[in-house]
Amino acid sequence: MNNGTLIGWLGFLSAMVVLFIVSKKNLGVAMFVAAIILGIFLAPENLPLKIWENMINPSTILLAAVVGLIPLIGGVLNESGQMDRLVSNMRIGRKFFLMLSPAIIGLLPMPGGALLSVPLVDKAGTGIPNEKKAGINIWFRHILYLVYPLSADLIVSTTSAEIGLYEPIPYLSVILIFALLLGYIFLLKGDLEKMKYEEEFSPRGLILPLAALLIAPLLDILLKTAFTLPFKELATLIAVSVSLIFAMIIGRLSLVRFRNILVKAKPWDFAFMMIGIMVFLGILKSSGAIELFRNVPITLESLFGIAFLLGFITGRIVTPAGIVFPIYLMKFGSITPPAFALIYFGIFLGYVITPVHPCVSLSMASLKVDFKGYLRAVIPIVASATFLSLLALRILSL
């Protein structure tokens, strides 16, 4: 290992340690500090300019605005009683509701969208500790990403692996069933108080608040499909704004009540956190830190570990897929659908457990859960899934 590589690893590990320590107090600040450390060790040239460029990037600003507005939707629905009406009129079992509601909203992905499902999980999960609620929201919100063929994550991943889009879906479907079972065992198993309904079913009480939650992702997709915008995040900002206005209309909120919601929700904290995340990811990419992993000896098991680690480091699926699968092809020549499914699942496992993933950090912030508490909820699931995935990879390599 030459001096440059040694310095690179030292900088990367130092940044990770600082990230996890400081994130206990303020995740946005932690992201900025970790980005500075990465830059000092790996790419010190014009570091202040690089940070500034990432901060003022229109996509960063728009995302910060989006993430700042999203918790206000939940706040308005809660304050106006619309969220209570939605929960009381969704006449399904509590456990099924806790699995289905974040999954449905998660199927229409948008930045910061986890904040749309948090209030549903919070309301329906009465009696469940907040750290488990955060785990429920994240695990079930993203679980359909494993098999959804129109997901950008799966499309990019299969393209990177030079495999057909639908080839791994039968194997990913098996993993999906397995993941649902693990989520049930570790997050929902046990007796939960039955949903109690004191009022008669109201179609209006179900449709209006549900529409407020779904307008944003649906309109987001429509705008991105129908129009060529200078920045795709602009469509998201418009969609979220429309959803917020609709929530205010059906909730009949006065400006005074909305101001109280604004103060309580603290949207500026979420916006600052998103800016910090985007700065960190920008410096992580420009510094070449991820390239440190290219020289690691490769086996199926170690590649799964790299996939998991990159999912954890980046809080993304697309970025690790663009690195891991080309490495796999260079080492093994081609990839089988079962191997693809397991390594893709490895990225997913790292992705759902890291505070760099905005949905994780935003869910923790919304439910007032620290990272240690969130880990207590999800580590048993992730550890079990990792062990069995590695066992399956070992069988494949025989």
Protein backbone atom coordinates (compact mmCIF):
# COMPACT_ATOMS: atom_id res chain seq x y z
CA MET A 1 0.00 0.00 0.00
CA ASN A 2 1.57 3.30 -1.09
CA ASN A 3 1.47 6.49 0.94
CA GLY A 4 -1.34 7.99 -1.14
CA THR A 5 -3.60 4.99 -0.58
CA LEU A 6 -2.75 4.89 3.12
CA ILE A 7 -3.61 8.57 3.48
CA GLY A 8 -6.82 7.99 1.55
CA TRP A 9 -7.95 5.18 3.89
CA LEU A 10 -6.95 7.23 6.94
CA GLY A 11 -9.03 10.17 5.70
CA PHE A 12 -12.00 8.00 4.85
CA LEU A 13 -12.05 6.18 8.19
CA SER A 14 -11.55 9.43 10.09
CA ALA A 15 -14.48 10.99 8.27
CA MET A 16 -16.69 7.98 9.08
CA VAL A 17 -15.79 8.08 12.78
CA VAL A 18 -16.50 11.80 13.01
CA LEU A 19 -19.74 11.35 11.06
CA PHE A 20 -21.12 8.84 13.50
CA ILE A 21 -19.99 10.73 16.61
CA VAL A 22 -21.23 14.17 15.57
CA SER A 23 -24.45 12.80 14.03
CA LYS A 24 -25.67 12.01 17.54
CA LYS A 25 -25.98 15.76 18.09
CA ASN A 26 -26.69 17.16 14.62
CA LEU A 27 -26.64 15.16 11.40
CA GLY A 28 -26.37 18.21 9.15
CA VAL A 29 -23.27 19.45 10.99
CA ALA A 30 -21.86 15.90 11.00
CA MET A 31 -22.17 15.71 7.22
CA PHE A 32 -20.39 19.01 6.71
CA VAL A 33 -17.55 18.06 9.07
CA ALA A 34 -17.12 14.62 7.46
CA ALA A 35 -17.05 16.22 4.00
CA ILE A 36 -14.32 18.64 5.12
CA ILE A 37 -12.22 15.79 6.55
CA LEU A 38 -12.59 13.76 3.35
CA GLY A 39 -11.62 16.76 1.28
CA ILE A 40 -8.56 17.62 3.41
CA PHE A 41 -7.17 14.09 3.14
CA LEU A 42 -8.17 13.15 -0.41
CA ALA A 43 -8.80 16.31 -2.45
CA PRO A 44 -7.63 19.46 -0.62
CA GLU A 45 -7.36 21.56 -3.78
CA ASN A 46 -10.04 24.26 -3.81
CA LEU A 47 -11.96 22.45 -1.05
CA PRO A 48 -13.93 25.53 0.13
CA LEU A 49 -14.97 26.19 -3.47
CA LYS A 50 -16.09 22.58 -3.93
CA ILE A 51 -18.18 22.74 -0.77
CA TRP A 52 -19.70 26.04 -1.85
CA GLU A 53 -20.49 24.71 -5.32
CA ASN A 54 -22.30 21.71 -3.79
CA MET A 55 -24.23 24.01 -1.43
CA ILE A 56 -25.44 26.37 -4.14
CA ASN A 57 -26.14 23.65 -6.68
CA PRO A 58 -29.76 24.21 -7.79
CA SER A 59 -30.55 20.54 -7.18
CA THR A 60 -29.30 20.84 -3.60
CA ILE A 61 -31.34 23.98 -2.94
CA LEU A 62 -34.48 22.49 -4.47
CA LEU A 63 -34.07 19.27 -2.52
CA ALA A 64 -33.59 21.24 0.69
CA ALA A 65 -36.81 23.13 -0.03
CA VAL A 66 -38.65 19.89 -0.77
CA VAL A 67 -37.47 18.21 2.41
CA GLY A 68 -38.37 21.31 4.39
CA LEU A 69 -41.95 21.28 3.05
CA ILE A 70 -42.71 17.57 3.35
CA PRO A 71 -42.96 17.42 7.18
CA LEU A 72 -45.41 20.31 7.01
CA ILE A 73 -47.84 18.07 5.09
CA GLY A 74 -47.86 15.57 7.92
CA GLY A 75 -48.07 18.40 10.44
CA VAL A 76 -51.09 19.94 8.73
CA LEU A 77 -52.86 16.58 8.45
CA ASN A 78 -52.16 15.85 12.11
CA GLU A 79 -53.19 19.29 13.37
CA SER A 80 -56.40 19.30 11.35
CA GLY A 81 -57.36 15.76 12.40
CA GLN A 82 -57.18 14.44 8.84
CA MET A 83 -54.52 11.88 9.75
CA ASP A 84 -56.77 10.46 12.46
CA ARG A 85 -59.59 10.22 9.92
CA LEU A 86 -57.35 8.38 7.45
CA VAL A 87 -56.17 5.84 10.01
CA SER A 88 -59.69 5.26 11.37
CA ASN A 89 -61.12 4.67 7.89
CA MET A 90 -58.43 2.35 6.53
CA ARG A 91 -60.23 -0.75 7.73
CA ILE A 92 -57.48 -3.37 7.67
CA GLY A 93 -55.51 -5.10 10.41
CA ARG A 94 -52.99 -2.98 12.29
CA LYS A 95 -49.98 -5.09 11.30
CA PHE A 96 -51.03 -5.18 7.66
CA PHE A 97 -51.57 -1.42 7.79
CA LEU A 98 -48.07 -0.88 9.23
CA MET A 99 -46.59 -2.94 6.41
CA LEU A 100 -48.76 -1.64 3.60
CA SER A 101 -48.95 2.09 4.20
CA PRO A 102 -45.19 2.88 3.97
CA ALA A 103 -44.80 0.36 1.13
CA ILE A 104 -47.49 2.02 -0.99
CA ILE A 105 -46.06 5.49 -0.50
CA GLY A 106 -42.53 4.16 -1.00
CA LEU A 107 -43.49 2.63 -4.33
CA LEU A 108 -43.78 6.18 -5.66
CA PRO A 109 -40.33 7.40 -4.62
CA MET A 110 -39.56 11.06 -4.11
CA PRO A 111 -36.91 12.89 -2.09
CA GLY A 112 -37.80 12.97 1.58
CA GLY A 113 -40.89 10.86 0.93
CA ALA A 114 -40.34 8.88 4.13
CA LEU A 115 -41.76 11.86 5.96
CA LEU A 116 -45.10 11.20 4.27
CA SER A 117 -45.38 7.70 5.72
CA VAL A 118 -43.95 8.51 9.18
CA PRO A 119 -47.22 10.04 10.45
CA LEU A 120 -49.16 6.96 9.29
CA VAL A 121 -46.80 4.58 11.08
CA ASP A 122 -46.76 6.83 14.14
CA LYS A 123 -50.54 6.92 14.38
CA ALA A 124 -51.18 3.24 13.65
CA GLY A 125 -48.24 2.08 15.76
CA THR A 126 -49.64 3.22 19.09
CA GLY A 127 -47.84 1.31 21.85
CA ILE A 128 -44.82 0.47 19.66
CA PRO A 129 -41.51 2.13 20.69
CA ASN A 130 -40.47 4.97 18.39
CA GLU A 131 -37.24 3.22 17.41
CA LYS A 132 -39.27 0.29 16.08
CA LYS A 133 -41.60 2.70 14.30
CA ALA A 134 -38.57 4.14 12.52
CA GLY A 135 -37.50 0.62 11.57
CA ILE A 136 -41.00 -0.22 10.31
CA ASN A 137 -41.13 2.94 8.24
CA ILE A 138 -37.76 2.37 6.57
CA TRP A 139 -37.86 -1.41 6.12
CA PHE A 140 -41.35 -1.67 4.63
CA ARG A 141 -41.14 1.64 2.75
CA HIS A 142 -38.22 0.40 0.63
CA ILE A 143 -38.91 -3.31 0.46
CA LEU A 144 -40.76 -3.20 -2.87
CA TYR A 145 -37.67 -1.63 -4.46
CA LEU A 146 -36.39 -5.20 -4.61
CA VAL A 147 -38.84 -6.23 -7.33
CA TYR A 148 -40.34 -3.07 -8.80
CA PRO A 149 -39.23 -3.14 -12.48
CA LEU A 150 -39.84 0.57 -13.05
CA SER A 151 -37.50 1.53 -10.22
CA ALA A 152 -34.50 3.52 -11.42
CA ASP A 153 -32.43 1.55 -8.90
CA LEU A 154 -33.22 -1.79 -10.51
CA ILE A 155 -32.95 -0.47 -14.06
CA VAL A 156 -29.50 1.06 -13.46
CA SER A 157 -28.31 -1.97 -11.52
CA THR A 158 -29.30 -4.51 -14.18
CA THR A 159 -27.78 -2.30 -16.88
CA SER A 160 -24.51 -2.08 -14.92
CA ALA A 161 -24.53 -5.84 -14.52
CA GLU A 162 -25.32 -6.38 -18.23
CA ILE A 163 -28.30 -8.54 -17.35
CA GLY A 164 -31.93 -8.36 -18.48
CA LEU A 165 -34.24 -6.26 -16.33
CA TYR A 166 -36.66 -9.10 -15.61
CA GLU A 167 -34.14 -11.95 -15.28
CA PRO A 168 -33.39 -11.51 -11.55
CA ILE A 169 -36.97 -10.67 -10.51
CA PRO A 170 -37.98 -14.30 -9.70
CA TYR A 171 -34.99 -14.56 -7.35
CA LEU A 172 -35.60 -11.07 -5.94
CA SER A 173 -39.22 -12.10 -5.32
CA VAL A 174 -38.00 -14.92 -3.09
CA ILE A 175 -35.80 -12.42 -1.25
CA LEU A 176 -38.81 -10.08 -0.93
CA ILE A 177 -40.87 -12.79 0.79
CA PHE A 178 -37.93 -13.55 3.04
CA ALA A 179 -37.50 -9.83 3.85
CA LEU A 180 -41.21 -9.45 4.65
CA LEU A 181 -40.97 -12.40 7.01
CA LEU A 182 -37.94 -10.94 8.78
CA GLY A 183 -39.67 -7.57 9.10
CA TYR A 184 -42.71 -9.24 10.62
CA ILE A 185 -40.67 -11.32 13.08
CA PHE A 186 -38.41 -8.55 14.36
CA LEU A 187 -40.67 -5.51 14.09
CA LEU A 188 -44.29 -6.67 14.26
CA LYS A 189 -44.42 -10.09 15.91
CA GLY A 190 -46.44 -10.19 19.09
CA ASP A 191 -49.82 -8.97 20.13
CA LEU A 192 -50.81 -5.52 19.02
CA GLU A 193 -53.91 -3.77 20.15
CA LYS A 194 -56.62 -4.18 17.54
CA MET A 195 -57.64 -1.18 15.51
CA LYS A 196 -60.61 0.40 17.24
CA TYR A 197 -63.18 2.28 15.23
CA GLU A 198 -65.60 4.53 17.10
CA GLU A 199 -67.20 6.01 14.00
CA GLU A 200 -68.82 4.61 10.88
CA PHE A 201 -66.71 4.25 7.76
CA SER A 202 -66.37 7.52 5.83
CA PRO A 203 -65.21 7.38 2.20
CA ARG A 204 -64.44 11.10 2.38
CA GLY A 205 -62.39 10.57 5.53
CA LEU A 206 -60.30 7.98 3.68
CA ILE A 207 -59.99 9.56 0.24
CA LEU A 208 -59.19 13.19 1.08
CA PRO A 209 -56.22 12.70 3.44
CA LEU A 210 -54.94 9.81 1.32
CA ALA A 211 -55.09 12.11 -1.70
CA ALA A 212 -53.07 14.73 0.20
CA LEU A 213 -50.35 12.12 0.71
CA LEU A 214 -50.41 10.71 -2.82
CA ILE A 215 -50.80 13.92 -4.80
CA ALA A 216 -47.12 14.76 -4.33
CA PRO A 217 -45.55 11.54 -5.69
CA LEU A 218 -48.15 11.16 -8.45
CA LEU A 219 -47.82 14.76 -9.60
CA ASP A 220 -44.04 14.46 -9.32
CA ILE A 221 -44.04 11.54 -11.78
CA LEU A 222 -46.54 13.27 -14.09
CA LEU A 223 -44.52 16.48 -14.30
CA LYS A 224 -41.26 14.65 -14.89
CA THR A 225 -42.88 12.56 -17.61
CA ALA A 226 -44.82 15.30 -19.37
CA PHE A 227 -42.35 18.16 -19.21
CA THR A 228 -38.64 18.71 -19.75
CA LEU A 229 -37.65 20.79 -16.75
CA PRO A 230 -34.23 22.40 -16.17
CA PHE A 231 -33.98 20.48 -12.90
CA LYS A 232 -36.01 17.36 -12.08
CA GLU A 233 -36.20 18.46 -8.45
CA LEU A 234 -38.34 21.40 -9.57
CA ALA A 235 -41.13 18.98 -10.39
CA THR A 236 -40.86 17.53 -6.90
CA LEU A 237 -40.99 20.97 -5.30
CA ILE A 238 -44.12 21.87 -7.28
CA ALA A 239 -45.74 18.54 -6.43
CA VAL A 240 -45.01 18.84 -2.71
CA SER A 241 -46.27 22.43 -2.66
CA VAL A 242 -49.55 21.40 -4.29
CA SER A 243 -49.93 18.58 -1.77
CA LEU A 244 -49.32 20.97 1.12
CA ILE A 245 -51.86 23.48 -0.19
CA PHE A 246 -54.42 20.71 -0.68
CA ALA A 247 -53.82 19.48 2.89
CA MET A 248 -54.37 23.02 4.19
CA ILE A 249 -57.60 23.38 2.20
CA ILE A 250 -59.18 20.12 3.38
CA GLY A 251 -57.96 20.80 6.91
CA ARG A 252 -59.38 24.35 6.85
CA LEU A 253 -56.35 25.72 8.66
CA SER A 254 -55.98 29.37 9.54
CA LEU A 255 -52.64 31.12 9.07
CA VAL A 256 -52.22 31.31 12.84
CA ARG A 257 -52.56 27.53 13.20
CA PHE A 258 -50.25 26.99 10.25
CA ARG A 259 -47.65 29.25 11.89
CA ASN A 260 -47.81 27.06 14.99
CA ILE A 261 -47.28 23.97 12.85
CA LEU A 262 -44.33 25.67 11.16
CA VAL A 263 -42.65 26.41 14.50
CA LYS A 264 -43.28 22.89 15.77
CA ALA A 265 -42.15 21.07 12.61
CA LYS A 266 -38.91 23.11 12.24
CA PRO A 267 -38.63 22.59 8.46
CA TRP A 268 -35.34 24.53 8.42
CA ASP A 269 -33.68 21.71 10.39
CA PHE A 270 -34.64 19.18 7.72
CA ALA A 271 -33.51 21.54 4.95
CA PHE A 272 -30.12 22.09 6.58
CA MET A 273 -29.69 18.35 7.06
CA MET A 274 -30.36 17.74 3.37
CA ILE A 275 -27.81 20.37 2.35
CA GLY A 276 -25.25 18.67 4.58
CA ILE A 277 -26.00 15.26 3.05
CA MET A 278 -25.67 16.60 -0.50
CA VAL A 279 -22.38 18.34 0.31
CA PHE A 280 -21.02 15.14 1.85
CA LEU A 281 -22.07 13.02 -1.14
CA GLY A 282 -20.60 15.58 -3.53
CA ILE A 283 -17.23 15.60 -1.78
CA LEU A 284 -17.32 11.82 -1.42
CA LYS A 285 -17.72 11.49 -5.18
CA SER A 286 -15.23 14.17 -6.23
CA SER A 287 -12.55 13.05 -3.75
CA GLY A 288 -12.35 9.56 -5.23
CA ALA A 289 -12.86 7.93 -1.83
CA ILE A 290 -15.02 5.14 -3.27
CA GLU A 291 -12.16 4.22 -5.62
CA LEU A 292 -10.22 2.99 -2.58
CA PHE A 293 -12.29 -0.19 -2.72
CA ARG A 294 -11.27 -1.14 -6.24
CA ASN A 295 -8.05 -2.80 -5.06
CA VAL A 296 -9.71 -4.97 -2.42
CA PRO A 297 -9.35 -8.74 -3.23
CA ILE A 298 -12.61 -9.99 -4.72
CA THR A 299 -14.67 -13.07 -3.90
CA LEU A 300 -18.45 -13.38 -4.01
CA GLU A 301 -18.58 -12.92 -0.25
CA SER A 302 -16.20 -9.94 -0.22
CA LEU A 303 -18.13 -8.37 -3.09
CA PHE A 304 -21.31 -8.70 -1.05
CA GLY A 305 -19.46 -6.98 1.80
CA ILE A 306 -18.32 -4.17 -0.51
CA ALA A 307 -21.87 -3.82 -1.82
CA PHE A 308 -23.20 -3.56 1.72
CA LEU A 309 -20.48 -1.09 2.72
CA LEU A 310 -21.01 1.14 -0.30
CA GLY A 311 -24.76 1.11 0.28
CA PHE A 312 -24.03 2.16 3.84
CA ILE A 313 -21.47 4.82 2.86
CA THR A 314 -23.44 6.46 0.09
CA GLY A 315 -27.02 5.97 1.26
CA ARG A 316 -27.83 5.11 -2.35
CA ILE A 317 -28.40 2.03 -4.50
CA VAL A 318 -27.48 3.42 -7.91
CA THR A 319 -23.96 4.56 -6.96
CA PRO A 320 -22.83 1.25 -5.40
CA ALA A 321 -24.41 -0.67 -8.28
CA GLY A 322 -22.37 1.38 -10.76
CA ILE A 323 -19.20 0.27 -8.97
CA VAL A 324 -19.90 -3.23 -7.66
CA PHE A 325 -21.35 -4.84 -10.76
CA PRO A 326 -18.62 -3.62 -13.16
CA ILE A 327 -16.06 -4.99 -10.67
CA TYR A 328 -17.96 -8.29 -10.65
CA LEU A 329 -17.90 -8.43 -14.46
CA MET A 330 -14.14 -7.70 -14.55
CA LYS A 331 -13.50 -10.49 -12.06
CA PHE A 332 -15.95 -13.20 -13.14
CA GLY A 333 -16.87 -12.29 -16.73
CA SER A 334 -20.65 -12.48 -16.33
CA ILE A 335 -23.20 -12.53 -13.55
CA THR A 336 -25.98 -15.03 -12.93
CA PRO A 337 -29.45 -13.81 -11.87
CA PRO A 338 -29.19 -15.42 -8.39
CA ALA A 339 -25.80 -13.80 -7.76
CA PHE A 340 -27.13 -10.46 -8.97
CA ALA A 341 -30.16 -10.73 -6.66
CA LEU A 342 -28.04 -11.45 -3.59
CA ILE A 343 -25.48 -8.70 -4.23
CA TYR A 344 -28.26 -6.23 -5.02
CA PHE A 345 -29.83 -7.23 -1.70
CA GLY A 346 -26.46 -6.53 -0.06
CA ILE A 347 -26.57 -2.95 -1.35
CA PHE A 348 -30.16 -2.70 -0.14
CA LEU A 349 -29.21 -3.84 3.38
CA GLY A 350 -26.50 -1.19 3.66
CA TYR A 351 -28.87 1.38 2.18
CA VAL A 352 -31.62 0.87 4.77
CA ILE A 353 -29.33 1.05 7.79
CA THR A 354 -27.21 4.13 7.14
CA PRO A 355 -27.91 7.65 8.43
CA VAL A 356 -26.55 8.97 5.10
CA HIS A 357 -29.76 7.67 3.51
CA PRO A 358 -32.11 10.68 3.81
CA CYS A 359 -35.14 8.52 4.58
CA VAL A 360 -33.35 7.02 7.57
CA SER A 361 -32.12 10.33 8.94
CA LEU A 362 -35.45 12.07 8.32
CA SER A 363 -37.43 9.26 9.96
CA MET A 364 -35.17 9.37 13.00
CA ALA A 365 -35.50 13.13 13.24
CA SER A 366 -39.27 13.04 12.82
CA LEU A 367 -39.76 10.34 15.47
CA LYS A 368 -37.05 11.80 17.75
CA VAL A 369 -34.98 8.62 17.66
CA ASP A 370 -31.17 8.60 17.80
CA PHE A 371 -29.07 6.40 15.55
CA LYS A 372 -28.27 3.96 18.35
CA GLY A 373 -31.98 3.40 18.95
CA TYR A 374 -32.64 2.91 15.25
CA LEU A 375 -29.84 0.35 15.07
CA ARG A 376 -31.34 -1.61 17.95
CA ALA A 377 -34.49 -1.98 15.88
CA VAL A 378 -32.97 -2.94 12.53
CA ILE A 379 -29.69 -4.72 13.36
CA PRO A 380 -31.42 -8.08 14.07
CA ILE A 381 -33.12 -7.96 10.66
CA VAL A 382 -30.03 -6.84 8.75
CA ALA A 383 -27.73 -9.27 10.58
CA SER A 384 -30.04 -12.22 9.87
CA ALA A 385 -30.45 -11.24 6.23
CA THR A 386 -26.70 -10.75 5.82
CA PHE A 387 -25.83 -14.13 7.35
CA LEU A 388 -28.30 -16.04 5.17
CA SER A 389 -27.29 -14.09 2.05
CA LEU A 390 -23.63 -14.93 2.61
CA LEU A 391 -24.58 -18.57 3.14
CA ALA A 392 -26.48 -18.54 -0.17
CA LEU A 393 -23.48 -16.94 -1.93
CA ARG A 394 -21.20 -19.62 -0.50
CA ILE A 395 -23.49 -22.29 -1.94
CA LEU A 396 -23.48 -20.52 -5.32
CA SER A 397 -19.69 -20.42 -5.39
CA LEU A 398 -19.31 -24.17 -4.81
